[in-house]
Amino acid sequence: MHELSVCQAVIAQVEQIARQHDARVASITVRIGSLSGVESALLQRAYPLAVAGTALSRARLVIDVAPVRVRCRSCFAETIVEPNRLLCGVCGEWRTDLVSGDELLLASVELERNQHV
């Protein structure tokens, strides 16, 4: 399951952010496109395993699924389409460019300041 290694990479990046800000991580938001090759359900299941024993063990994972969006080369419309049907949603043209839907992004990290005594 490569979703576990994806989780581990995200966790390493978030841990570095938390250290830089001397903060605790409350939540992590990851944006996953349908064409990214990452299954959001598998990522959600891998997350508790990946954060066990880390500073992020109490951080919540939020997954934002990004739609597949194309821009038509003929009519220049930008439409949301099905992952297996990249046709323009306005004119039906097959010559389109992928605008989004293949991304895997660390969209946001919610931090809470550490309380120093």
C-alpha atoms as a PDB file:
ATOM      1  CA  MET A   1       0.000   0.000   0.000  1.00  0.00           C
ATOM      2  CA  HIS A   2       1.826   3.113  -1.197  1.00  0.00           C
ATOM      3  CA  GLU A   3      -0.637   5.315   0.699  1.00  0.00           C
ATOM      4  CA  LEU A   4       1.334   4.508   3.873  1.00  0.00           C
ATOM      5  CA  SER A   5       4.516   5.906   2.324  1.00  0.00           C
ATOM      6  CA  VAL A   6       2.548   8.950   1.136  1.00  0.00           C
ATOM      7  CA  CYS A   7       1.357   9.462   4.738  1.00  0.00           C
ATOM      8  CA  GLN A   8       4.878   9.121   6.063  1.00  0.00           C
ATOM      9  CA  ALA A   9       6.170  11.728   3.607  1.00  0.00           C
ATOM     10  CA  VAL A  10       3.382  14.158   4.535  1.00  0.00           C
ATOM     11  CA  ILE A  11       4.024  13.574   8.245  1.00  0.00           C
ATOM     12  CA  ALA A  12       7.739  14.290   7.844  1.00  0.00           C
ATOM     13  CA  GLN A  13       6.937  17.562   6.096  1.00  0.00           C
ATOM     14  CA  VAL A  14       4.344  18.571   8.713  1.00  0.00           C
ATOM     15  CA  GLU A  15       6.651  17.693  11.613  1.00  0.00           C
ATOM     16  CA  GLN A  16       9.249  20.036  10.139  1.00  0.00           C
ATOM     17  CA  ILE A  17       6.653  22.832   9.865  1.00  0.00           C
ATOM     18  CA  ALA A  18       5.584  22.280  13.485  1.00  0.00           C
ATOM     19  CA  ARG A  19       9.199  22.428  14.703  1.00  0.00           C
ATOM     20  CA  GLN A  20       9.839  25.649  12.767  1.00  0.00           C
ATOM     21  CA  HIS A  21       6.854  27.282  14.466  1.00  0.00           C
ATOM     22  CA  ASP A  22       7.337  25.631  17.877  1.00  0.00           C
ATOM     23  CA  ALA A  23       3.740  24.455  17.682  1.00  0.00           C
ATOM     24  CA  ARG A  24       1.529  21.425  17.990  1.00  0.00           C
ATOM     25  CA  VAL A  25      -0.370  20.182  14.930  1.00  0.00           C
ATOM     26  CA  ALA A  26      -4.159  20.158  15.328  1.00  0.00           C
ATOM     27  CA  SER A  27      -5.074  19.120  11.792  1.00  0.00           C
ATOM     28  CA  ILE A  28      -3.669  18.440   8.359  1.00  0.00           C
ATOM     29  CA  THR A  29      -5.607  18.970   5.139  1.00  0.00           C
ATOM     30  CA  VAL A  30      -4.488  17.054   2.067  1.00  0.00           C
ATOM     31  CA  ARG A  31      -5.953  17.704  -1.383  1.00  0.00           C
ATOM     32  CA  ILE A  32      -6.122  14.605  -3.572  1.00  0.00           C
ATOM     33  CA  GLY A  33      -7.175  14.559  -7.201  1.00  0.00           C
ATOM     34  CA  SER A  34      -8.986  11.570  -8.681  1.00  0.00           C
ATOM     35  CA  LEU A  35      -6.155  11.082 -11.185  1.00  0.00           C
ATOM     36  CA  SER A  36      -3.341  11.283  -8.602  1.00  0.00           C
ATOM     37  CA  GLY A  37      -3.088   7.535  -8.111  1.00  0.00           C
ATOM     38  CA  VAL A  38      -3.772   7.881  -4.377  1.00  0.00           C
ATOM     39  CA  GLU A  39      -6.951   6.389  -2.924  1.00  0.00           C
ATOM     40  CA  SER A  40      -8.391   8.696  -0.261  1.00  0.00           C
ATOM     41  CA  ALA A  41     -10.002   5.813   1.670  1.00  0.00           C
ATOM     42  CA  LEU A  42      -6.682   3.958   1.828  1.00  0.00           C
ATOM     43  CA  LEU A  43      -4.872   7.130   2.861  1.00  0.00           C
ATOM     44  CA  GLN A  44      -7.408   7.637   5.657  1.00  0.00           C
ATOM     45  CA  ARG A  45      -6.810   4.065   6.859  1.00  0.00           C
ATOM     46  CA  ALA A  46      -3.017   4.369   6.671  1.00  0.00           C
ATOM     47  CA  TYR A  47      -2.934   7.635   8.614  1.00  0.00           C
ATOM     48  CA  PRO A  48      -3.358   6.224  12.168  1.00  0.00           C
ATOM     49  CA  LEU A  49      -0.534   3.760  11.508  1.00  0.00           C
ATOM     50  CA  ALA A  50       1.745   6.456  10.142  1.00  0.00           C
ATOM     51  CA  VAL A  51       1.215   8.934  13.014  1.00  0.00           C
ATOM     52  CA  ALA A  52       1.447   6.383  15.840  1.00  0.00           C
ATOM     53  CA  GLY A  53       4.314   7.365  18.119  1.00  0.00           C
ATOM     54  CA  THR A  54       4.887  10.725  16.401  1.00  0.00           C
ATOM     55  CA  ALA A  55       4.202  14.291  17.502  1.00  0.00           C
ATOM     56  CA  LEU A  56       1.194  14.189  15.165  1.00  0.00           C
ATOM     57  CA  SER A  57      -0.550  11.298  16.914  1.00  0.00           C
ATOM     58  CA  ARG A  58      -3.436  13.582  17.959  1.00  0.00           C
ATOM     59  CA  ALA A  59      -3.652  15.565  14.707  1.00  0.00           C
ATOM     60  CA  ARG A  60      -6.752  15.135  12.585  1.00  0.00           C
ATOM     61  CA  LEU A  61      -6.452  14.305   8.883  1.00  0.00           C
ATOM     62  CA  VAL A  62      -8.841  16.072   6.509  1.00  0.00           C
ATOM     63  CA  ILE A  63      -8.972  14.888   2.912  1.00  0.00           C
ATOM     64  CA  ASP A  64     -10.237  17.270   0.257  1.00  0.00           C
ATOM     65  CA  VAL A  65     -10.997  15.418  -2.981  1.00  0.00           C
ATOM     66  CA  ALA A  66     -10.252  17.610  -5.991  1.00  0.00           C
ATOM     67  CA  PRO A  67     -12.464  17.197  -9.053  1.00  0.00           C
ATOM     68  CA  VAL A  68     -11.039  16.570 -12.490  1.00  0.00           C
ATOM     69  CA  ARG A  69     -11.221  19.851 -14.388  1.00  0.00           C
ATOM     70  CA  VAL A  70     -10.329  20.391 -18.045  1.00  0.00           C
ATOM     71  CA  ARG A  71     -10.024  23.436 -20.319  1.00  0.00           C
ATOM     72  CA  CYS A  72     -11.224  23.055 -23.881  1.00  0.00           C
ATOM     73  CA  ARG A  73      -8.820  24.010 -26.654  1.00  0.00           C
ATOM     74  CA  SER A  74     -11.732  24.929 -28.953  1.00  0.00           C
ATOM     75  CA  CYS A  75     -14.264  26.887 -26.877  1.00  0.00           C
ATOM     76  CA  PHE A  76     -11.911  27.601 -23.925  1.00  0.00           C
ATOM     77  CA  ALA A  77     -14.548  26.535 -21.407  1.00  0.00           C
ATOM     78  CA  GLU A  78     -13.324  25.067 -18.135  1.00  0.00           C
ATOM     79  CA  THR A  79     -15.500  22.224 -16.868  1.00  0.00           C
ATOM     80  CA  ILE A  80     -15.514  19.461 -14.281  1.00  0.00           C
ATOM     81  CA  VAL A  81     -15.496  16.040 -15.927  1.00  0.00           C
ATOM     82  CA  GLU A  82     -15.399  12.375 -15.026  1.00  0.00           C
ATOM     83  CA  PRO A  83     -11.876  10.937 -14.577  1.00  0.00           C
ATOM     84  CA  ASN A  84     -12.351   8.527 -17.486  1.00  0.00           C
ATOM     85  CA  ARG A  85     -14.015  11.042 -19.844  1.00  0.00           C
ATOM     86  CA  LEU A  86     -11.895  14.139 -20.404  1.00  0.00           C
ATOM     87  CA  LEU A  87     -14.219  15.742 -22.954  1.00  0.00           C
ATOM     88  CA  CYS A  88     -15.299  19.379 -22.826  1.00  0.00           C
ATOM     89  CA  GLY A  89     -18.504  19.644 -20.817  1.00  0.00           C
ATOM     90  CA  VAL A  90     -19.761  22.474 -23.051  1.00  0.00           C
ATOM     91  CA  CYS A  91     -19.014  21.507 -26.657  1.00  0.00           C
ATOM     92  CA  GLY A  92     -17.923  17.851 -26.313  1.00  0.00           C
ATOM     93  CA  GLU A  93     -14.481  18.482 -27.855  1.00  0.00           C
ATOM     94  CA  TRP A  94     -11.860  15.838 -27.068  1.00  0.00           C
ATOM     95  CA  ARG A  95      -8.897  18.227 -27.273  1.00  0.00           C
ATOM     96  CA  THR A  96      -8.708  19.412 -23.693  1.00  0.00           C
ATOM     97  CA  ASP A  97      -5.978  20.257 -21.204  1.00  0.00           C
ATOM     98  CA  LEU A  98      -6.043  18.984 -17.656  1.00  0.00           C
ATOM     99  CA  VAL A  99      -6.355  21.894 -15.212  1.00  0.00           C
ATOM    100  CA  SER A 100      -6.721  19.927 -11.969  1.00  0.00           C
ATOM    101  CA  GLY A 101      -7.466  16.469 -10.691  1.00  0.00           C
ATOM    102  CA  ASP A 102      -4.020  14.899 -10.699  1.00  0.00           C
ATOM    103  CA  GLU A 103      -2.652  16.705  -7.656  1.00  0.00           C
ATOM    104  CA  LEU A 104      -1.588  15.482  -4.243  1.00  0.00           C
ATOM    105  CA  LEU A 105      -1.036  18.579  -2.119  1.00  0.00           C
ATOM    106  CA  LEU A 106      -0.523  19.431   1.503  1.00  0.00           C
ATOM    107  CA  ALA A 107      -3.235  22.072   1.428  1.00  0.00           C
ATOM    108  CA  SER A 108      -3.039  23.326   5.014  1.00  0.00           C
ATOM    109  CA  VAL A 109      -1.700  22.657   8.480  1.00  0.00           C
ATOM    110  CA  GLU A 110      -3.542  23.958  11.519  1.00  0.00           C
ATOM    111  CA  LEU A 111      -1.102  24.711  14.320  1.00  0.00           C
ATOM    112  CA  GLU A 112      -1.616  25.454  18.002  1.00  0.00           C
ATOM    113  CA  ARG A 113       1.065  27.260  19.979  1.00  0.00           C
ATOM    114  CA  ASN A 114       2.915  25.142  22.526  1.00  0.00           C
ATOM    115  CA  GLN A 115       2.396  26.338  26.101  1.00  0.00           C
ATOM    116  CA  HIS A 116       5.777  26.821  27.755  1.00  0.00           C
ATOM    117  CA  VAL A 117       5.937  26.781  31.525  1.00  0.00           C
END
